[in-house]
Amino acid sequence: MIPSPPPPSLPMAPVPGTAPMATQLPGELLAQLRDIHMPPPVSDWPPAFGWWGVLGLLLLLALGGMLWRRHWNRRRPVREALVALDELLVSYGRDGDGGRFVRGLSILLKRVALAVHGRERVAALNGAAWLAFLDQTGGRGGFSEGVGQVLAVGPYRPGEAVEVIPLAELARSWIRQAKPPRPSPSSSPSSRSAGFWRFVPVARVFGRGG
């Protein structure tokens, strides 16, 4: 039995209002396409939570740096006094002159006291009153009753026996605990550093120095 051929397909009717696909031009096809609508841009404000954390960390670091720098500047006189004390020890190790060491140390301690406690409290002190002041401000009896007694008489008695190393350690301990006063807000940074502390090489005051 011979199969019958398939029925012929009917032509598709064109959509009303449009031209047949075969007869449409490329420009007409493009005109029928709709525009692509992009989503609105993401706003930069408010920032994400992580950015707030970064900003807070930066502020903390800046504040910590300011406080550290202020502390560093306030402790500058103490650091310079310790350097001057080391210069005195180097000079003593070179010439073995204990009397010159005592004289230089007396000047050094007086300058530290003037800078930290003010001229009104310190300028007129000498002898036993000066030693008592040093003990009250950190000496703990080492000046009035210990090796520091030589500071009251040593500068005026060149032959006085001097325990240089214990005396230097007593002075170092006293200098380290000194607390420079807070600068007034009205003073400029340059005047604070120049007027508050002005050391000269104490080791060179009485003779040769390194």
N, C-alpha and C. Protein backbone atom coordinates (compact mmCIF):
# COMPACT_ATOMS: atom_id res chain seq x y z
N MET A 1 0.85 -1.18 0.00
CA MET A 1 0.00 0.00 0.00
C MET A 1 0.89 1.24 0.00
N ILE A 2 0.61 2.14 -0.87
CA ILE A 2 1.44 3.32 -1.02
C ILE A 2 0.92 4.40 -0.10
N PRO A 3 1.82 4.95 0.78
CA PRO A 3 1.35 6.00 1.72
C PRO A 3 1.00 7.26 0.95
N SER A 4 0.01 7.93 1.51
CA SER A 4 -0.45 9.17 0.87
C SER A 4 0.47 10.31 1.27
N PRO A 5 0.70 11.24 0.36
CA PRO A 5 1.59 12.37 0.69
C PRO A 5 0.95 13.28 1.74
N PRO A 6 1.79 13.98 2.56
CA PRO A 6 1.24 14.88 3.61
C PRO A 6 0.52 16.04 2.96
N PRO A 7 -0.49 16.52 3.67
CA PRO A 7 -1.23 17.65 3.09
C PRO A 7 -0.34 18.88 3.03
N PRO A 8 -0.53 19.71 2.06
CA PRO A 8 0.31 20.92 1.94
C PRO A 8 0.05 21.88 3.10
N SER A 9 1.16 22.49 3.61
CA SER A 9 1.03 23.44 4.74
C SER A 9 0.43 24.74 4.26
N LEU A 10 -0.35 25.30 5.13
CA LEU A 10 -1.01 26.54 4.78
C LEU A 10 -0.10 27.72 5.13
N PRO A 11 -0.04 28.71 4.35
CA PRO A 11 0.82 29.88 4.68
C PRO A 11 0.28 30.63 5.87
N MET A 12 1.21 31.10 6.77
CA MET A 12 0.85 31.82 7.98
C MET A 12 0.42 33.22 7.61
N ALA A 13 -0.68 33.62 8.21
CA ALA A 13 -1.19 34.95 7.93
C ALA A 13 -0.34 35.98 8.67
N PRO A 14 -0.03 37.07 8.06
CA PRO A 14 0.79 38.09 8.73
C PRO A 14 0.02 38.74 9.86
N VAL A 15 0.77 39.16 10.90
CA VAL A 15 0.18 39.85 12.03
C VAL A 15 -0.32 41.20 11.56
N PRO A 16 -1.55 41.53 11.95
CA PRO A 16 -2.07 42.81 11.48
C PRO A 16 -1.19 43.97 11.92
N GLY A 17 -1.00 44.89 11.05
CA GLY A 17 -0.21 46.07 11.36
C GLY A 17 1.27 45.91 11.15
N THR A 18 1.73 44.68 10.78
CA THR A 18 3.16 44.45 10.55
C THR A 18 3.34 43.89 9.17
N ALA A 19 4.49 44.14 8.67
CA ALA A 19 4.81 43.59 7.35
C ALA A 19 5.34 42.19 7.52
N PRO A 20 5.24 41.38 6.52
CA PRO A 20 5.82 40.04 6.60
C PRO A 20 7.30 40.11 6.94
N MET A 21 7.82 39.05 7.70
CA MET A 21 9.21 39.02 8.18
C MET A 21 10.17 39.16 7.03
N ALA A 22 9.81 38.51 5.92
CA ALA A 22 10.75 38.52 4.80
C ALA A 22 10.85 39.88 4.18
N THR A 23 9.77 40.69 4.33
CA THR A 23 9.78 41.99 3.67
C THR A 23 10.20 43.13 4.59
N GLN A 24 10.42 42.84 5.92
CA GLN A 24 10.83 43.90 6.85
C GLN A 24 12.31 44.20 6.69
N LEU A 25 12.64 45.48 6.76
CA LEU A 25 14.02 45.92 6.66
C LEU A 25 14.70 45.83 8.03
N PRO A 26 16.03 45.75 8.10
CA PRO A 26 16.72 45.68 9.40
C PRO A 26 16.42 46.86 10.28
N GLY A 27 16.28 48.06 9.73
CA GLY A 27 15.96 49.22 10.55
C GLY A 27 14.61 49.10 11.21
N GLU A 28 13.64 48.51 10.49
CA GLU A 28 12.32 48.34 11.07
C GLU A 28 12.35 47.31 12.19
N LEU A 29 13.17 46.28 12.03
CA LEU A 29 13.30 45.28 13.09
C LEU A 29 13.90 45.90 14.35
N LEU A 30 14.94 46.73 14.18
CA LEU A 30 15.57 47.36 15.34
C LEU A 30 14.62 48.32 16.03
N ALA A 31 13.76 48.96 15.24
CA ALA A 31 12.83 49.91 15.84
C ALA A 31 11.81 49.22 16.74
N GLN A 32 11.56 47.95 16.47
CA GLN A 32 10.59 47.22 17.28
C GLN A 32 11.18 46.74 18.61
N LEU A 33 12.49 46.79 18.74
CA LEU A 33 13.13 46.36 20.00
C LEU A 33 12.93 47.42 21.08
N ARG A 34 12.74 47.00 22.32
CA ARG A 34 12.58 47.91 23.44
C ARG A 34 13.95 48.25 24.03
N ASP A 35 14.08 49.50 24.59
CA ASP A 35 15.33 49.91 25.22
C ASP A 35 15.59 49.10 26.47
N ILE A 36 16.88 48.89 26.76
CA ILE A 36 17.28 48.18 27.98
C ILE A 36 17.34 49.20 29.11
N HIS A 37 16.59 49.00 30.16
CA HIS A 37 16.55 49.92 31.30
C HIS A 37 17.52 49.43 32.37
N MET A 38 18.58 50.23 32.64
CA MET A 38 19.56 49.88 33.66
C MET A 38 19.01 50.20 35.05
N PRO A 39 19.44 49.44 36.07
CA PRO A 39 18.99 49.74 37.44
C PRO A 39 19.60 51.05 37.91
N PRO A 40 18.97 51.73 38.86
CA PRO A 40 19.52 53.01 39.35
C PRO A 40 20.88 52.80 40.00
N PRO A 41 21.80 53.77 39.91
CA PRO A 41 23.13 53.61 40.52
C PRO A 41 23.05 53.50 42.03
N VAL A 42 24.01 52.74 42.57
CA VAL A 42 24.07 52.54 44.02
C VAL A 42 24.60 53.82 44.67
N SER A 43 23.93 54.32 45.69
CA SER A 43 24.33 55.54 46.38
C SER A 43 25.57 55.31 47.24
N ASP A 44 26.45 56.32 47.26
CA ASP A 44 27.66 56.23 48.10
C ASP A 44 27.38 56.59 49.55
N TRP A 45 26.21 57.06 49.86
CA TRP A 45 25.88 57.45 51.23
C TRP A 45 24.53 56.88 51.62
N PRO A 46 24.41 56.31 52.78
CA PRO A 46 25.46 56.17 53.80
C PRO A 46 26.42 55.04 53.46
N PRO A 47 27.68 55.13 53.90
CA PRO A 47 28.64 54.07 53.61
C PRO A 47 28.30 52.78 54.33
N ALA A 48 28.90 51.73 53.87
CA ALA A 48 28.67 50.43 54.50
C ALA A 48 29.25 50.41 55.92
N PHE A 49 28.79 49.45 56.71
CA PHE A 49 29.21 49.37 58.11
C PHE A 49 30.73 49.21 58.24
N GLY A 50 31.33 48.49 57.31
CA GLY A 50 32.78 48.29 57.38
C GLY A 50 33.57 49.58 57.25
N TRP A 51 33.06 50.52 56.42
CA TRP A 51 33.74 51.80 56.27
C TRP A 51 33.67 52.62 57.54
N TRP A 52 32.55 52.53 58.26
CA TRP A 52 32.46 53.22 59.55
C TRP A 52 33.53 52.69 60.52
N GLY A 53 33.74 51.38 60.50
CA GLY A 53 34.76 50.80 61.36
C GLY A 53 36.15 51.29 61.01
N VAL A 54 36.44 51.39 59.69
CA VAL A 54 37.75 51.88 59.26
C VAL A 54 37.94 53.34 59.69
N LEU A 55 36.88 54.16 59.53
CA LEU A 55 36.97 55.56 59.92
C LEU A 55 37.22 55.70 61.43
N GLY A 56 36.51 54.89 62.22
CA GLY A 56 36.73 54.94 63.67
C GLY A 56 38.14 54.53 64.05
N LEU A 57 38.68 53.51 63.37
CA LEU A 57 40.05 53.08 63.66
C LEU A 57 41.05 54.17 63.32
N LEU A 58 40.84 54.87 62.19
CA LEU A 58 41.76 55.95 61.82
C LEU A 58 41.71 57.09 62.83
N LEU A 59 40.52 57.41 63.33
CA LEU A 59 40.40 58.46 64.34
C LEU A 59 41.11 58.07 65.63
N LEU A 60 40.98 56.81 66.03
CA LEU A 60 41.66 56.35 67.24
C LEU A 60 43.17 56.40 67.07
N LEU A 61 43.66 56.02 65.89
CA LEU A 61 45.10 56.07 65.65
C LEU A 61 45.61 57.51 65.68
N ALA A 62 44.84 58.43 65.09
CA ALA A 62 45.26 59.84 65.10
C ALA A 62 45.29 60.39 66.52
N LEU A 63 44.27 60.06 67.32
CA LEU A 63 44.23 60.54 68.70
C LEU A 63 45.37 59.94 69.51
N GLY A 64 45.63 58.65 69.32
CA GLY A 64 46.74 58.02 70.03
C GLY A 64 48.08 58.63 69.66
N GLY A 65 48.26 58.97 68.36
CA GLY A 65 49.49 59.61 67.95
C GLY A 65 49.68 60.99 68.56
N MET A 66 48.60 61.75 68.68
CA MET A 66 48.69 63.08 69.29
C MET A 66 49.05 62.97 70.76
N LEU A 67 48.43 62.02 71.48
CA LEU A 67 48.73 61.87 72.91
C LEU A 67 50.17 61.40 73.11
N TRP A 68 50.61 60.47 72.26
CA TRP A 68 51.98 59.97 72.41
C TRP A 68 52.99 61.08 72.14
N ARG A 69 52.71 61.90 71.12
CA ARG A 69 53.64 62.99 70.81
C ARG A 69 53.68 64.01 71.94
N ARG A 70 52.52 64.30 72.54
CA ARG A 70 52.50 65.25 73.66
C ARG A 70 53.30 64.70 74.83
N HIS A 71 53.12 63.40 75.12
CA HIS A 71 53.88 62.79 76.22
C HIS A 71 55.38 62.81 75.90
N TRP A 72 55.72 62.52 74.65
CA TRP A 72 57.14 62.51 74.24
C TRP A 72 57.75 63.89 74.42
N ASN A 73 57.05 64.94 74.04
CA ASN A 73 57.58 66.29 74.18
C ASN A 73 57.70 66.69 75.65
N ARG A 74 56.74 66.29 76.48
CA ARG A 74 56.81 66.63 77.90
C ARG A 74 57.97 65.92 78.59
N ARG A 75 58.32 64.73 78.12
CA ARG A 75 59.42 63.99 78.74
C ARG A 75 60.77 64.35 78.15
N ARG A 76 60.80 65.27 77.20
CA ARG A 76 62.07 65.64 76.58
C ARG A 76 63.07 66.18 77.59
N PRO A 77 62.68 67.04 78.54
CA PRO A 77 63.66 67.52 79.52
C PRO A 77 64.29 66.39 80.32
N VAL A 78 63.50 65.38 80.65
CA VAL A 78 64.06 64.25 81.41
C VAL A 78 65.09 63.51 80.57
N ARG A 79 64.79 63.29 79.31
CA ARG A 79 65.74 62.59 78.45
C ARG A 79 67.03 63.38 78.30
N GLU A 80 66.91 64.71 78.15
CA GLU A 80 68.11 65.53 78.00
C GLU A 80 68.92 65.56 79.29
N ALA A 81 68.24 65.54 80.43
CA ALA A 81 68.96 65.51 81.70
C ALA A 81 69.73 64.21 81.87
N LEU A 82 69.14 63.10 81.44
CA LEU A 82 69.83 61.82 81.54
C LEU A 82 71.05 61.78 80.61
N VAL A 83 70.94 62.40 79.45
CA VAL A 83 72.09 62.49 78.54
C VAL A 83 73.20 63.32 79.19
N ALA A 84 72.82 64.43 79.83
CA ALA A 84 73.82 65.26 80.49
C ALA A 84 74.50 64.50 81.63
N LEU A 85 73.73 63.69 82.35
CA LEU A 85 74.32 62.88 83.42
C LEU A 85 75.32 61.88 82.85
N ASP A 86 75.00 61.27 81.73
CA ASP A 86 75.94 60.35 81.10
C ASP A 86 77.21 61.07 80.66
N GLU A 87 77.08 62.33 80.21
CA GLU A 87 78.27 63.10 79.85
C GLU A 87 79.17 63.34 81.06
N LEU A 88 78.55 63.61 82.20
CA LEU A 88 79.34 63.79 83.42
C LEU A 88 80.10 62.51 83.78
N LEU A 89 79.42 61.37 83.62
CA LEU A 89 80.09 60.10 83.94
C LEU A 89 81.23 59.82 82.98
N VAL A 90 81.05 60.14 81.71
CA VAL A 90 82.12 59.94 80.74
C VAL A 90 83.31 60.83 81.09
N SER A 91 83.02 62.07 81.46
CA SER A 91 84.09 62.98 81.83
C SER A 91 84.83 62.48 83.08
N TYR A 92 84.08 61.98 84.05
CA TYR A 92 84.72 61.45 85.26
C TYR A 92 85.57 60.22 84.94
N GLY A 93 85.07 59.36 84.06
CA GLY A 93 85.85 58.19 83.68
C GLY A 93 87.14 58.54 82.98
N ARG A 94 87.17 59.72 82.37
CA ARG A 94 88.37 60.15 81.65
C ARG A 94 89.41 60.79 82.57
N ASP A 95 88.95 61.62 83.53
CA ASP A 95 89.92 62.33 84.36
C ASP A 95 89.89 61.93 85.83
N GLY A 96 88.85 61.19 86.27
CA GLY A 96 88.78 60.74 87.65
C GLY A 96 88.60 61.85 88.66
N ASP A 97 88.11 63.00 88.24
CA ASP A 97 87.95 64.15 89.13
C ASP A 97 86.55 64.10 89.75
N GLY A 98 86.47 63.56 90.98
CA GLY A 98 85.19 63.45 91.65
C GLY A 98 84.59 64.79 92.02
N GLY A 99 85.43 65.75 92.37
CA GLY A 99 84.94 67.07 92.73
C GLY A 99 84.26 67.75 91.55
N ARG A 100 84.85 67.62 90.37
CA ARG A 100 84.23 68.22 89.19
C ARG A 100 82.92 67.54 88.86
N PHE A 101 82.86 66.23 89.09
CA PHE A 101 81.60 65.51 88.87
C PHE A 101 80.51 66.03 89.79
N VAL A 102 80.85 66.23 91.07
CA VAL A 102 79.85 66.72 92.03
C VAL A 102 79.37 68.11 91.65
N ARG A 103 80.28 68.97 91.22
CA ARG A 103 79.87 70.33 90.84
C ARG A 103 78.95 70.31 89.62
N GLY A 104 79.31 69.51 88.65
CA GLY A 104 78.45 69.40 87.48
C GLY A 104 77.09 68.80 87.81
N LEU A 105 77.07 67.79 88.68
CA LEU A 105 75.81 67.16 89.06
C LEU A 105 74.94 68.13 89.84
N SER A 106 75.53 68.95 90.69
CA SER A 106 74.75 69.94 91.43
C SER A 106 74.05 70.90 90.48
N ILE A 107 74.77 71.38 89.47
CA ILE A 107 74.16 72.27 88.49
C ILE A 107 73.04 71.57 87.73
N LEU A 108 73.28 70.33 87.35
CA LEU A 108 72.29 69.57 86.59
C LEU A 108 71.00 69.38 87.39
N LEU A 109 71.13 68.94 88.63
CA LEU A 109 69.94 68.72 89.45
C LEU A 109 69.19 70.02 89.72
N LYS A 110 69.93 71.10 89.92
CA LYS A 110 69.27 72.38 90.16
C LYS A 110 68.48 72.82 88.92
N ARG A 111 69.03 72.59 87.74
CA ARG A 111 68.31 72.98 86.53
C ARG A 111 67.06 72.12 86.32
N VAL A 112 67.17 70.85 86.60
CA VAL A 112 65.98 70.00 86.50
C VAL A 112 64.91 70.47 87.48
N ALA A 113 65.33 70.75 88.71
CA ALA A 113 64.37 71.19 89.72
C ALA A 113 63.72 72.51 89.33
N LEU A 114 64.50 73.44 88.79
CA LEU A 114 63.94 74.72 88.36
C LEU A 114 62.91 74.53 87.25
N ALA A 115 63.22 73.64 86.30
CA ALA A 115 62.32 73.42 85.18
C ALA A 115 61.04 72.73 85.61
N VAL A 116 61.14 71.79 86.55
CA VAL A 116 59.98 70.98 86.95
C VAL A 116 59.15 71.67 88.02
N HIS A 117 59.81 72.26 89.03
CA HIS A 117 59.10 72.77 90.20
C HIS A 117 59.01 74.29 90.26
N GLY A 118 59.70 74.98 89.39
CA GLY A 118 59.57 76.43 89.35
C GLY A 118 60.62 77.15 90.17
N ARG A 119 60.94 78.34 89.72
CA ARG A 119 61.98 79.13 90.38
C ARG A 119 61.60 79.52 91.80
N GLU A 120 60.33 79.78 92.04
CA GLU A 120 59.91 80.22 93.37
C GLU A 120 60.23 79.19 94.45
N ARG A 121 60.11 77.92 94.13
CA ARG A 121 60.35 76.87 95.12
C ARG A 121 61.81 76.46 95.21
N VAL A 122 62.59 76.71 94.17
CA VAL A 122 63.91 76.08 94.08
C VAL A 122 65.06 77.07 94.18
N ALA A 123 64.91 78.26 93.63
CA ALA A 123 66.06 79.14 93.43
C ALA A 123 66.82 79.43 94.71
N ALA A 124 66.14 79.60 95.85
CA ALA A 124 66.80 80.00 97.09
C ALA A 124 67.30 78.81 97.91
N LEU A 125 67.08 77.58 97.46
CA LEU A 125 67.45 76.41 98.26
C LEU A 125 68.95 76.15 98.16
N ASN A 126 69.54 75.78 99.30
CA ASN A 126 70.93 75.35 99.33
C ASN A 126 71.16 74.57 100.61
N GLY A 127 72.29 73.89 100.67
CA GLY A 127 72.65 73.14 101.87
C GLY A 127 71.64 72.07 102.24
N ALA A 128 71.33 71.99 103.53
CA ALA A 128 70.41 70.97 104.03
C ALA A 128 69.01 71.13 103.46
N ALA A 129 68.58 72.37 103.24
CA ALA A 129 67.25 72.60 102.68
C ALA A 129 67.16 72.06 101.26
N TRP A 130 68.24 72.20 100.51
CA TRP A 130 68.27 71.68 99.14
C TRP A 130 68.22 70.16 99.14
N LEU A 131 68.97 69.52 100.03
CA LEU A 131 68.93 68.06 100.12
C LEU A 131 67.56 67.57 100.57
N ALA A 132 66.94 68.27 101.53
CA ALA A 132 65.61 67.87 101.97
C ALA A 132 64.60 67.99 100.83
N PHE A 133 64.73 69.02 100.01
CA PHE A 133 63.84 69.18 98.88
C PHE A 133 64.01 68.03 97.88
N LEU A 134 65.23 67.65 97.62
CA LEU A 134 65.48 66.53 96.71
C LEU A 134 64.87 65.23 97.24
N ASP A 135 64.95 65.03 98.56
CA ASP A 135 64.35 63.83 99.15
C ASP A 135 62.82 63.87 99.06
N GLN A 136 62.26 65.04 99.27
CA GLN A 136 60.80 65.16 99.23
C GLN A 136 60.24 64.98 97.82
N THR A 137 61.05 65.22 96.83
CA THR A 137 60.58 65.13 95.45
C THR A 137 61.09 63.90 94.73
N GLY A 138 61.45 62.87 95.49
CA GLY A 138 61.83 61.61 94.87
C GLY A 138 63.09 60.98 95.38
N GLY A 139 63.86 61.68 96.21
CA GLY A 139 65.12 61.13 96.68
C GLY A 139 64.99 60.07 97.74
N ARG A 140 63.87 60.08 98.51
CA ARG A 140 63.58 59.06 99.52
C ARG A 140 64.71 58.93 100.54
N GLY A 141 65.26 60.03 100.97
CA GLY A 141 66.29 60.00 102.00
C GLY A 141 67.69 59.81 101.50
N GLY A 142 67.85 59.55 100.22
CA GLY A 142 69.19 59.29 99.68
C GLY A 142 70.07 60.50 99.62
N PHE A 143 69.50 61.70 99.68
CA PHE A 143 70.30 62.91 99.62
C PHE A 143 70.65 63.42 101.02
N SER A 144 69.69 63.41 101.93
CA SER A 144 69.96 63.93 103.27
C SER A 144 70.72 62.93 104.13
N GLU A 145 70.51 61.63 103.90
CA GLU A 145 71.10 60.63 104.76
C GLU A 145 71.99 59.64 104.03
N GLY A 146 72.11 59.74 102.72
CA GLY A 146 72.90 58.79 101.95
C GLY A 146 74.03 59.45 101.20
N VAL A 147 74.37 58.86 100.05
CA VAL A 147 75.51 59.35 99.27
C VAL A 147 75.27 60.77 98.75
N GLY A 148 74.01 61.19 98.71
CA GLY A 148 73.71 62.52 98.19
C GLY A 148 74.13 63.66 99.10
N GLN A 149 74.53 63.36 100.34
CA GLN A 149 74.96 64.43 101.25
C GLN A 149 76.13 65.23 100.69
N VAL A 150 76.92 64.61 99.85
CA VAL A 150 78.09 65.30 99.32
C VAL A 150 77.70 66.50 98.46
N LEU A 151 76.47 66.54 97.96
CA LEU A 151 76.05 67.68 97.15
C LEU A 151 75.99 68.98 97.95
N ALA A 152 75.83 68.86 99.28
CA ALA A 152 75.76 70.07 100.11
C ALA A 152 77.13 70.64 100.41
N VAL A 153 78.16 69.80 100.40
CA VAL A 153 79.50 70.28 100.77
C VAL A 153 80.54 70.02 99.69
N GLY A 154 80.29 69.03 98.84
CA GLY A 154 81.27 68.65 97.83
C GLY A 154 81.69 69.77 96.90
N PRO A 155 80.74 70.58 96.39
CA PRO A 155 81.16 71.65 95.49
C PRO A 155 82.10 72.66 96.13
N TYR A 156 82.13 72.70 97.46
CA TYR A 156 82.97 73.68 98.15
C TYR A 156 84.19 73.04 98.80
N ARG A 157 84.28 71.70 98.75
CA ARG A 157 85.43 70.98 99.32
C ARG A 157 85.99 70.05 98.25
N PRO A 158 86.94 70.50 97.49
CA PRO A 158 87.45 69.69 96.38
C PRO A 158 88.00 68.34 96.82
N GLY A 159 88.52 68.22 98.03
CA GLY A 159 89.10 66.95 98.47
C GLY A 159 88.09 66.00 99.08
N GLU A 160 86.82 66.31 99.09
CA GLU A 160 85.81 65.47 99.72
C GLU A 160 85.69 64.14 98.96
N ALA A 161 85.63 63.03 99.75
CA ALA A 161 85.47 61.71 99.13
C ALA A 161 84.10 61.61 98.47
N VAL A 162 84.08 61.04 97.27
CA VAL A 162 82.85 60.97 96.47
C VAL A 162 82.66 59.54 95.99
N GLU A 163 81.48 59.00 96.27
CA GLU A 163 81.08 57.70 95.70
C GLU A 163 80.31 58.00 94.41
N VAL A 164 81.05 58.09 93.35
CA VAL A 164 80.48 58.61 92.11
C VAL A 164 79.37 57.73 91.56
N ILE A 165 79.60 56.43 91.47
CA ILE A 165 78.60 55.56 90.83
C ILE A 165 77.30 55.51 91.63
N PRO A 166 77.32 55.26 92.97
CA PRO A 166 76.05 55.32 93.71
C PRO A 166 75.38 56.68 93.65
N LEU A 167 76.19 57.76 93.65
CA LEU A 167 75.62 59.09 93.56
C LEU A 167 74.96 59.31 92.21
N ALA A 168 75.59 58.83 91.15
CA ALA A 168 75.01 58.98 89.81
C ALA A 168 73.70 58.19 89.69
N GLU A 169 73.64 57.00 90.28
CA GLU A 169 72.41 56.21 90.22
C GLU A 169 71.30 56.87 91.02
N LEU A 170 71.64 57.48 92.16
CA LEU A 170 70.63 58.22 92.94
C LEU A 170 70.09 59.38 92.13
N ALA A 171 70.98 60.12 91.48
CA ALA A 171 70.55 61.25 90.65
C ALA A 171 69.73 60.77 89.46
N ARG A 172 70.10 59.65 88.85
CA ARG A 172 69.36 59.13 87.71
C ARG A 172 67.94 58.75 88.11
N SER A 173 67.81 58.11 89.27
CA SER A 173 66.48 57.75 89.75
C SER A 173 65.62 58.99 90.01
N TRP A 174 66.23 60.02 90.57
CA TRP A 174 65.47 61.25 90.85
C TRP A 174 65.04 61.94 89.57
N ILE A 175 65.91 61.97 88.57
CA ILE A 175 65.59 62.62 87.30
C ILE A 175 64.47 61.86 86.59
N ARG A 176 64.53 60.54 86.61
CA ARG A 176 63.53 59.76 85.88
C ARG A 176 62.12 59.97 86.41
N GLN A 177 61.97 60.18 87.71
CA GLN A 177 60.63 60.34 88.25
C GLN A 177 60.13 61.79 88.16
N ALA A 178 60.98 62.70 87.67
CA ALA A 178 60.57 64.10 87.55
C ALA A 178 59.45 64.21 86.53
N LYS A 179 58.45 65.00 86.84
CA LYS A 179 57.30 65.19 85.97
C LYS A 179 57.24 66.65 85.54
N PRO A 180 57.65 66.94 84.31
CA PRO A 180 57.60 68.33 83.84
C PRO A 180 56.16 68.85 83.86
N PRO A 181 55.96 70.13 84.12
CA PRO A 181 54.61 70.69 84.15
C PRO A 181 53.98 70.71 82.78
N ARG A 182 52.66 70.71 82.76
CA ARG A 182 51.95 70.80 81.49
C ARG A 182 52.07 72.21 80.93
N PRO A 183 52.38 72.34 79.63
CA PRO A 183 52.49 73.68 79.04
C PRO A 183 51.15 74.37 79.00
N SER A 184 51.13 75.68 79.14
CA SER A 184 49.89 76.43 79.09
C SER A 184 49.38 76.49 77.66
N PRO A 185 48.06 76.47 77.46
CA PRO A 185 47.52 76.49 76.09
C PRO A 185 47.88 77.75 75.33
N SER A 186 48.15 78.85 76.04
CA SER A 186 48.42 80.11 75.35
C SER A 186 49.82 80.19 74.77
N SER A 187 50.72 79.34 75.25
CA SER A 187 52.10 79.41 74.76
C SER A 187 52.23 78.64 73.46
N SER A 188 53.08 79.14 72.58
CA SER A 188 53.29 78.48 71.30
C SER A 188 54.23 77.29 71.48
N PRO A 189 54.18 76.29 70.55
CA PRO A 189 55.07 75.13 70.68
C PRO A 189 56.53 75.52 70.71
N SER A 190 56.94 76.54 69.94
CA SER A 190 58.36 76.91 69.93
C SER A 190 58.79 77.51 71.25
N SER A 191 57.91 78.33 71.87
CA SER A 191 58.29 78.94 73.14
C SER A 191 58.31 77.91 74.25
N ARG A 192 57.46 76.89 74.14
CA ARG A 192 57.46 75.85 75.17
C ARG A 192 58.79 75.11 75.17
N SER A 193 59.24 74.70 74.00
CA SER A 193 60.46 73.90 73.94
C SER A 193 61.70 74.74 74.24
N ALA A 194 61.67 76.04 73.85
CA ALA A 194 62.85 76.86 74.06
C ALA A 194 62.92 77.40 75.48
N GLY A 195 61.77 77.82 76.04
CA GLY A 195 61.81 78.42 77.36
C GLY A 195 61.78 77.43 78.49
N PHE A 196 61.19 76.27 78.23
CA PHE A 196 61.03 75.31 79.32
C PHE A 196 62.34 74.62 79.66
N TRP A 197 63.16 74.35 78.67
CA TRP A 197 64.36 73.56 78.92
C TRP A 197 65.47 74.03 78.01
N ARG A 198 66.59 74.38 78.57
CA ARG A 198 67.70 74.81 77.74
C ARG A 198 69.00 74.36 78.40
N PHE A 199 69.41 73.13 78.12
CA PHE A 199 70.62 72.57 78.71
C PHE A 199 71.84 73.01 77.94
N VAL A 200 72.94 73.16 78.66
CA VAL A 200 74.26 73.27 78.04
C VAL A 200 75.00 72.00 78.40
N PRO A 201 76.05 71.64 77.65
CA PRO A 201 76.82 70.45 78.00
C PRO A 201 77.46 70.62 79.38
N VAL A 202 76.81 70.07 80.41
CA VAL A 202 77.27 70.29 81.77
C VAL A 202 78.65 69.71 81.99
N ALA A 203 78.98 68.66 81.29
CA ALA A 203 80.27 68.03 81.48
C ALA A 203 81.41 68.94 81.06
N ARG A 204 81.12 70.01 80.31
CA ARG A 204 82.18 70.90 79.85
C ARG A 204 82.24 72.19 80.66
N VAL A 205 81.43 72.32 81.69
CA VAL A 205 81.38 73.56 82.46
C VAL A 205 82.68 73.75 83.23
N PHE A 206 83.17 72.68 83.82
CA PHE A 206 84.34 72.78 84.68
C PHE A 206 85.53 72.09 84.01
N GLY A 207 86.05 72.67 82.98
CA GLY A 207 87.24 72.12 82.36
C GLY A 207 86.92 71.44 81.05
N ARG A 208 87.76 70.46 80.67
CA ARG A 208 87.62 69.81 79.38
C ARG A 208 86.40 68.93 79.38
N GLY A 209 85.86 68.72 78.22
CA GLY A 209 84.72 67.82 78.03
C GLY A 209 84.85 67.08 76.74
N GLY A 210 84.05 65.97 76.65
CA GLY A 210 84.12 65.16 75.43
C GLY A 210 83.24 65.70 74.35
